[in-house]
Amino acid sequence: MAVILANHRDTPGWTSSISRGLQAACDQLDYNLYVEDEVDRSQLGPVAEKLIHRGVKHIILANPDYQSNLEHLAKKYPQINFYTNSVGETVSPAITKYSVRYYEVRYMAGVLAGLHTKTGVVGYIAPFPAPETRRDLNAFAMGVQSVRPEARILVRWTEYWINPSREQEAVYILKHAGADVMTYFLATNSAAMAAQAQNLDYIDFHANDSHLAPGCLAAIETDWQKVFLDILRNNEIQQEKTLYWQGMLDQVVTMRLSPKLTPTEEALTIRTREKILQGYPVFSGTITDQYGVLRCHEGEAIAASALLRRMDWLVKGVEIVESR
């Protein structure tokens, strides 16, 4: 078993979380794990071939940027099991796809952000428009608007999954555009560190510490050990599965709340979590996009297949902050 990472395995945030979770799953199943980190997209082929020549049969790719380089590898090495961290984009059927239904917990995070904002302006940082990034952003925006209908959700695209300088710049831009609380969907915690430095309240994406920082309202956290145990156990019994897309109901993702929340913030956020765990479909009821197009009618819900592959729109109230 091997994992290929775009940055160092101990990079705080999402990367270290996924590294530790996979190592714990391999330890539990008595698998040897090779780790290749700081591998950019152009190096993916040579690094994968090196692992294959070592006798590795299962290669987990822990960066969505890798997927565009996968097709030729899958065809060249049909005996190797590749796993890509992406579920919304078109990828070879020979490659197993895995991710997490973050949109459920993003909705919950949106409720908290909507309750907490004083200015009515909330910030969101993500790499670029794609089905997965739009899906999570839309869920977050709908969560905000469920408790603060008039709120504005300002979005800054960084154009990279990993680019600390752009992430820090994005935090600065959002704060000076009026946002007083923000969150992000990126592979490092540079945005969280920048928010701390600028005294901007935020919702973290995989906090590295057991105690949340003073400005951190909550932290979205994934149980990657549980995710990878499911994948690896299916391999052991040779059960074919080309898509792993688990969420809150599978107990693989949650949101840890700061003890410093107000009683109202805590109570309503927990109530939202319970509603989702009882089966509430986040993308349901009347949903209108930025251009006034009705995307979902009252009494209906958007099908999982549409959420997965056809999320090419943004909900009303979302504003993209461009470079000046």
Protein backbone atom coordinates (compact mmCIF):
# COMPACT_ATOMS: atom_id res chain seq x y z
CA MET A 1 0.00 0.00 0.00
CA ALA A 2 1.25 3.49 -0.83
CA VAL A 3 -0.01 7.05 -0.64
CA ILE A 4 1.14 9.97 -2.77
CA LEU A 5 0.78 13.46 -1.30
CA ALA A 6 1.25 16.89 -2.85
CA ASN A 7 2.83 18.43 0.24
CA HIS A 8 4.68 17.12 3.30
CA ARG A 9 2.86 14.41 5.21
CA ASP A 10 2.97 16.47 8.42
CA THR A 11 1.60 19.68 6.90
CA PRO A 12 -1.02 20.91 9.40
CA GLY A 13 -4.64 20.56 8.32
CA TRP A 14 -6.18 18.22 5.78
CA THR A 15 -2.87 16.61 4.68
CA SER A 16 -1.68 15.50 8.12
CA SER A 17 -5.21 14.33 8.95
CA ILE A 18 -5.41 12.07 5.89
CA SER A 19 -1.85 10.80 6.45
CA ARG A 20 -2.49 9.83 10.06
CA GLY A 21 -5.83 8.24 9.25
CA LEU A 22 -4.40 6.06 6.48
CA GLN A 23 -1.44 5.02 8.63
CA ALA A 24 -3.81 4.01 11.45
CA ALA A 25 -5.95 1.97 9.04
CA CYS A 26 -2.88 0.20 7.65
CA ASP A 27 -1.58 -0.50 11.17
CA GLN A 28 -4.94 -2.00 12.14
CA LEU A 29 -4.92 -4.30 9.09
CA ASP A 30 -1.17 -5.01 9.31
CA TYR A 31 -0.41 -3.39 5.94
CA ASN A 32 2.95 -1.85 5.11
CA LEU A 33 2.53 1.75 3.96
CA TYR A 34 4.91 3.67 1.69
CA VAL A 35 4.51 7.44 1.80
CA GLU A 36 5.65 9.64 -1.08
CA ASP A 37 5.09 13.29 -0.25
CA GLU A 38 5.78 16.68 -1.84
CA VAL A 39 4.99 15.20 -5.26
CA ASP A 40 3.69 17.65 -7.86
CA ARG A 41 1.46 16.63 -10.76
CA SER A 42 4.34 16.37 -13.25
CA GLN A 43 6.12 13.86 -10.99
CA LEU A 44 3.13 11.58 -10.49
CA GLY A 45 3.99 9.09 -13.26
CA PRO A 46 7.64 8.46 -12.28
CA VAL A 47 6.78 8.24 -8.57
CA ALA A 48 3.93 5.80 -9.22
CA GLU A 49 6.17 3.63 -11.41
CA LYS A 50 8.83 3.57 -8.69
CA LEU A 51 6.25 2.29 -6.22
CA ILE A 52 4.96 -0.31 -8.68
CA HIS A 53 8.49 -1.63 -9.23
CA ARG A 54 8.74 -2.03 -5.44
CA GLY A 55 5.78 -4.36 -5.64
CA VAL A 56 3.05 -1.97 -4.43
CA LYS A 57 -0.41 -3.08 -5.63
CA HIS A 58 -2.57 -0.31 -4.15
CA ILE A 59 -1.78 3.40 -4.62
CA ILE A 60 -3.86 6.08 -2.93
CA LEU A 61 -3.64 9.56 -4.44
CA ALA A 62 -4.40 12.22 -1.87
CA ASN A 63 -4.65 15.29 -4.07
CA PRO A 64 -7.54 16.08 -6.45
CA ASP A 65 -5.02 17.70 -8.83
CA TYR A 66 -3.61 14.28 -9.67
CA GLN A 67 -6.71 12.99 -11.43
CA SER A 68 -5.90 14.52 -14.83
CA ASN A 69 -2.72 12.41 -14.96
CA LEU A 70 -4.36 9.13 -14.00
CA GLU A 71 -5.84 7.76 -17.21
CA HIS A 72 -2.59 6.69 -18.84
CA LEU A 73 -1.33 5.14 -15.59
CA ALA A 74 -4.49 3.09 -15.16
CA LYS A 75 -4.23 1.82 -18.75
CA LYS A 76 -0.51 1.10 -18.48
CA TYR A 77 -0.85 -0.79 -15.19
CA PRO A 78 -4.28 -2.48 -15.16
CA GLN A 79 -3.11 -4.82 -12.39
CA ILE A 80 -2.62 -1.89 -9.99
CA ASN A 81 -5.48 -0.46 -7.91
CA PHE A 82 -5.46 3.34 -8.02
CA TYR A 83 -7.64 5.45 -5.72
CA THR A 84 -8.25 9.14 -6.44
CA ASN A 85 -9.56 11.74 -4.01
CA SER A 86 -12.33 13.01 -6.27
CA VAL A 87 -15.93 11.98 -6.85
CA GLY A 88 -17.50 14.67 -9.02
CA GLU A 89 -15.29 14.81 -12.09
CA THR A 90 -15.04 12.30 -14.91
CA VAL A 91 -12.32 9.77 -14.12
CA SER A 92 -11.56 6.38 -15.65
CA PRO A 93 -13.94 3.63 -14.44
CA ALA A 94 -10.83 1.57 -13.72
CA ILE A 95 -9.95 3.97 -10.91
CA THR A 96 -11.66 3.89 -7.54
CA LYS A 97 -12.89 7.29 -6.39
CA TYR A 98 -13.27 8.32 -2.76
CA SER A 99 -14.27 11.47 -0.93
CA VAL A 100 -16.51 12.70 1.86
CA ARG A 101 -19.98 14.26 1.72
CA TYR A 102 -18.68 17.49 3.16
CA TYR A 103 -21.71 19.39 1.93
CA GLU A 104 -23.72 18.03 4.88
CA VAL A 105 -21.36 19.40 7.50
CA ARG A 106 -20.77 22.55 5.41
CA TYR A 107 -24.48 23.31 5.74
CA MET A 108 -24.11 22.95 9.50
CA ALA A 109 -21.05 25.26 9.41
CA GLY A 110 -23.10 27.78 7.44
CA VAL A 111 -25.76 27.85 10.14
CA LEU A 112 -23.09 28.62 12.73
CA ALA A 113 -21.51 31.32 10.55
CA GLY A 114 -24.91 32.91 9.91
CA LEU A 115 -25.65 32.99 13.63
CA HIS A 116 -22.24 34.44 14.49
CA THR A 117 -21.81 37.20 11.89
CA LYS A 118 -22.46 40.74 13.01
CA THR A 119 -21.92 42.39 9.63
CA GLY A 120 -24.08 39.94 7.66
CA VAL A 121 -21.07 39.24 5.42
CA VAL A 122 -19.46 35.79 5.50
CA GLY A 123 -16.28 34.74 3.67
CA TYR A 124 -15.47 31.48 1.90
CA ILE A 125 -12.17 30.47 0.26
CA ALA A 126 -11.83 27.60 -2.20
CA PRO A 127 -9.42 26.69 -5.01
CA PHE A 128 -11.57 26.93 -8.17
CA PRO A 129 -15.07 26.20 -9.48
CA ALA A 130 -15.73 22.45 -9.79
CA PRO A 131 -18.68 20.18 -8.90
CA GLU A 132 -17.22 19.43 -5.47
CA THR A 133 -16.24 22.98 -4.56
CA ARG A 134 -19.56 24.44 -5.77
CA ARG A 135 -21.54 21.75 -3.95
CA ASP A 136 -19.88 22.49 -0.62
CA LEU A 137 -20.04 26.25 -1.13
CA ASN A 138 -23.74 26.11 -2.00
CA ALA A 139 -24.51 24.00 1.07
CA PHE A 140 -22.61 26.44 3.27
CA ALA A 141 -24.40 29.42 1.74
CA MET A 142 -27.81 27.80 2.26
CA GLY A 143 -26.90 27.11 5.87
CA VAL A 144 -25.99 30.77 6.38
CA GLN A 145 -29.20 31.94 4.72
CA SER A 146 -31.38 29.57 6.76
CA VAL A 147 -30.71 31.74 9.81
CA ARG A 148 -29.68 35.01 8.11
CA PRO A 149 -31.65 35.29 4.85
CA GLU A 150 -30.18 38.65 3.85
CA ALA A 151 -26.55 37.57 4.38
CA ARG A 152 -23.93 37.93 1.65
CA ILE A 153 -21.50 35.07 1.07
CA LEU A 154 -18.28 36.39 -0.47
CA VAL A 155 -16.12 33.83 -2.26
CA ARG A 156 -12.51 34.08 -3.25
CA TRP A 157 -11.05 31.44 -5.62
CA THR A 158 -7.29 30.90 -5.12
CA GLU A 159 -6.89 28.75 -8.29
CA TYR A 160 -4.82 26.17 -6.35
CA TRP A 161 -5.49 23.48 -3.77
CA ILE A 162 -2.20 24.47 -2.16
CA ASN A 163 -0.91 28.05 -2.35
CA PRO A 164 -0.31 29.65 1.08
CA SER A 165 0.40 33.14 -0.24
CA ARG A 166 -2.85 33.26 -2.22
CA GLU A 167 -4.76 31.84 0.74
CA GLN A 168 -3.38 34.53 3.04
CA GLU A 169 -4.22 37.18 0.44
CA ALA A 170 -7.77 35.81 0.18
CA VAL A 171 -8.32 36.17 3.93
CA TYR A 172 -7.12 39.77 3.79
CA ILE A 173 -9.40 40.59 0.84
CA LEU A 174 -12.47 39.01 2.44
CA LYS A 175 -11.94 40.77 5.75
CA HIS A 176 -11.56 44.15 4.08
CA ALA A 177 -14.70 43.45 2.03
CA GLY A 178 -16.66 43.27 5.29
CA ALA A 179 -16.57 39.59 6.27
CA ASP A 180 -16.33 39.03 10.02
CA VAL A 181 -16.39 35.22 9.88
CA MET A 182 -14.98 32.90 7.22
CA THR A 183 -14.19 29.30 6.33
CA TYR A 184 -12.27 27.52 3.60
CA PHE A 185 -11.90 24.33 1.54
CA LEU A 186 -8.16 23.91 0.90
CA ALA A 187 -5.39 21.37 1.51
CA THR A 188 -3.46 23.41 4.09
CA ASN A 189 -4.43 25.49 7.10
CA SER A 190 -2.73 28.68 5.86
CA ALA A 191 -6.12 30.39 5.67
CA ALA A 192 -6.83 29.54 9.29
CA MET A 193 -3.45 30.90 10.38
CA ALA A 194 -4.06 34.09 8.41
CA ALA A 195 -7.50 34.49 10.00
CA GLN A 196 -5.94 34.16 13.43
CA ALA A 197 -3.31 36.78 12.57
CA GLN A 198 -6.01 39.20 11.38
CA ASN A 199 -8.36 38.55 14.33
CA LEU A 200 -11.02 37.16 12.02
CA ASP A 201 -13.34 34.48 13.40
CA TYR A 202 -13.34 31.31 11.32
CA ILE A 203 -14.47 27.71 10.98
CA ASP A 204 -11.47 25.45 10.51
CA PHE A 205 -11.03 22.55 8.08
CA HIS A 206 -9.16 19.86 10.05
CA ALA A 207 -7.69 21.60 13.07
CA ASN A 208 -4.36 20.19 14.19
CA ASP A 209 -4.75 20.86 17.90
CA SER A 210 -7.00 19.32 20.52
CA HIS A 211 -7.87 22.83 21.74
CA LEU A 212 -9.37 25.18 19.17
CA ALA A 213 -7.70 28.59 18.81
CA PRO A 214 -9.50 31.61 20.33
CA GLY A 215 -10.96 32.80 17.00
CA CYS A 216 -11.93 29.31 15.83
CA LEU A 217 -15.68 28.76 16.16
CA ALA A 218 -15.55 25.10 15.12
CA ALA A 219 -13.52 22.61 13.11
CA ILE A 220 -14.71 20.24 10.40
CA GLU A 221 -12.97 16.91 10.97
CA THR A 222 -12.83 13.65 9.02
CA ASP A 223 -12.25 10.18 10.43
CA TRP A 224 -9.93 9.09 7.62
CA GLN A 225 -9.09 5.89 9.45
CA LYS A 226 -12.71 4.82 9.13
CA VAL A 227 -12.84 5.86 5.45
CA PHE A 228 -9.73 3.88 4.53
CA LEU A 229 -10.67 0.85 6.62
CA ASP A 230 -13.82 0.53 4.51
CA ILE A 231 -11.84 0.81 1.29
CA LEU A 232 -9.10 -1.62 2.32
CA ARG A 233 -11.47 -4.22 3.76
CA ASN A 234 -13.40 -4.27 0.51
CA ASN A 235 -10.11 -4.96 -1.23
CA GLU A 236 -9.44 -7.89 1.06
CA ILE A 237 -12.68 -9.60 0.06
CA GLN A 238 -12.22 -8.49 -3.57
CA GLN A 239 -15.46 -6.55 -3.54
CA GLU A 240 -15.53 -4.16 -6.48
CA LYS A 241 -16.56 -0.63 -5.70
CA THR A 242 -15.66 2.37 -7.84
CA LEU A 243 -17.06 5.09 -5.58
CA TYR A 244 -16.77 5.74 -1.84
CA TRP A 245 -18.75 8.82 -0.83
CA GLN A 246 -19.50 8.79 2.88
CA GLY A 247 -20.82 11.48 5.17
CA MET A 248 -22.27 12.34 8.54
CA LEU A 249 -24.65 9.36 8.58
CA ASP A 250 -21.62 7.09 8.09
CA GLN A 251 -19.90 8.79 11.05
CA VAL A 252 -16.83 9.75 9.04
CA VAL A 253 -17.20 13.54 9.30
CA THR A 254 -18.31 15.86 12.05
CA MET A 255 -17.83 19.41 13.32
CA ARG A 256 -16.17 20.03 16.66
CA LEU A 257 -17.62 23.11 18.36
CA SER A 258 -15.73 25.68 20.40
CA PRO A 259 -16.78 25.87 24.07
CA LYS A 260 -16.83 29.66 23.61
CA LEU A 261 -19.94 29.67 21.40
CA THR A 262 -23.00 31.46 22.75
CA PRO A 263 -25.79 29.20 24.06
CA THR A 264 -27.91 30.08 21.01
CA GLU A 265 -25.09 29.33 18.54
CA GLU A 266 -24.37 26.00 20.18
CA ALA A 267 -28.02 24.94 20.50
CA LEU A 268 -29.05 25.79 16.93
CA THR A 269 -25.91 24.27 15.42
CA ILE A 270 -26.46 21.04 17.34
CA ARG A 271 -30.12 21.07 16.32
CA THR A 272 -29.01 21.32 12.69
CA ARG A 273 -26.67 18.37 13.15
CA GLU A 274 -29.47 16.26 14.58
CA LYS A 275 -31.77 17.21 11.71
CA ILE A 276 -29.18 16.06 9.15
CA LEU A 277 -28.53 12.84 11.07
CA GLN A 278 -32.27 12.17 10.99
CA GLY A 279 -32.13 12.27 7.19
CA TYR A 280 -32.79 15.89 6.26
CA PRO A 281 -31.65 16.38 2.63
CA VAL A 282 -29.60 19.59 2.53
CA PHE A 283 -30.41 20.28 -1.11
CA SER A 284 -34.19 20.33 -0.82
CA GLY A 285 -37.05 22.81 -0.91
CA THR A 286 -36.99 26.01 -2.95
CA ILE A 287 -33.45 26.74 -4.20
CA THR A 288 -32.74 29.61 -6.60
CA ASP A 289 -29.40 30.28 -8.25
CA GLN A 290 -27.53 33.56 -8.75
CA TYR A 291 -29.45 34.29 -11.96
CA GLY A 292 -32.90 33.65 -10.54
CA VAL A 293 -33.23 30.17 -12.05
CA LEU A 294 -35.22 27.78 -9.87
CA ARG A 295 -32.98 24.77 -9.26
CA CYS A 296 -35.19 22.90 -6.81
CA HIS A 297 -38.93 23.18 -6.10
CA GLU A 298 -40.68 23.16 -2.74
CA GLY A 299 -41.32 19.60 -1.60
CA GLU A 300 -38.53 18.19 -3.79
CA ALA A 301 -34.85 17.31 -3.31
CA ILE A 302 -31.96 17.31 -5.77
CA ALA A 303 -30.88 13.76 -6.67
CA ALA A 304 -27.48 12.51 -5.51
CA SER A 305 -26.38 11.99 -9.13
CA ALA A 306 -27.01 15.67 -9.88
CA LEU A 307 -25.16 16.73 -6.73
CA LEU A 308 -22.27 14.53 -7.75
CA ARG A 309 -21.73 15.60 -11.35
CA ARG A 310 -23.95 18.48 -12.39
CA MET A 311 -23.34 21.14 -9.79
CA ASP A 312 -22.46 23.88 -12.28
CA TRP A 313 -24.31 26.75 -10.57
CA LEU A 314 -24.14 28.82 -7.39
CA VAL A 315 -27.03 29.74 -5.10
CA LYS A 316 -28.48 33.20 -4.80
CA GLY A 317 -26.55 35.36 -2.35
CA VAL A 318 -23.11 34.06 -3.32
CA GLU A 319 -20.76 36.73 -4.70
CA ILE A 320 -17.38 36.01 -6.28
CA VAL A 321 -14.71 38.49 -5.22
CA GLU A 322 -12.41 39.07 -8.20
CA SER A 323 -8.92 40.55 -8.24
CA ARG A 324 -8.81 44.32 -8.58
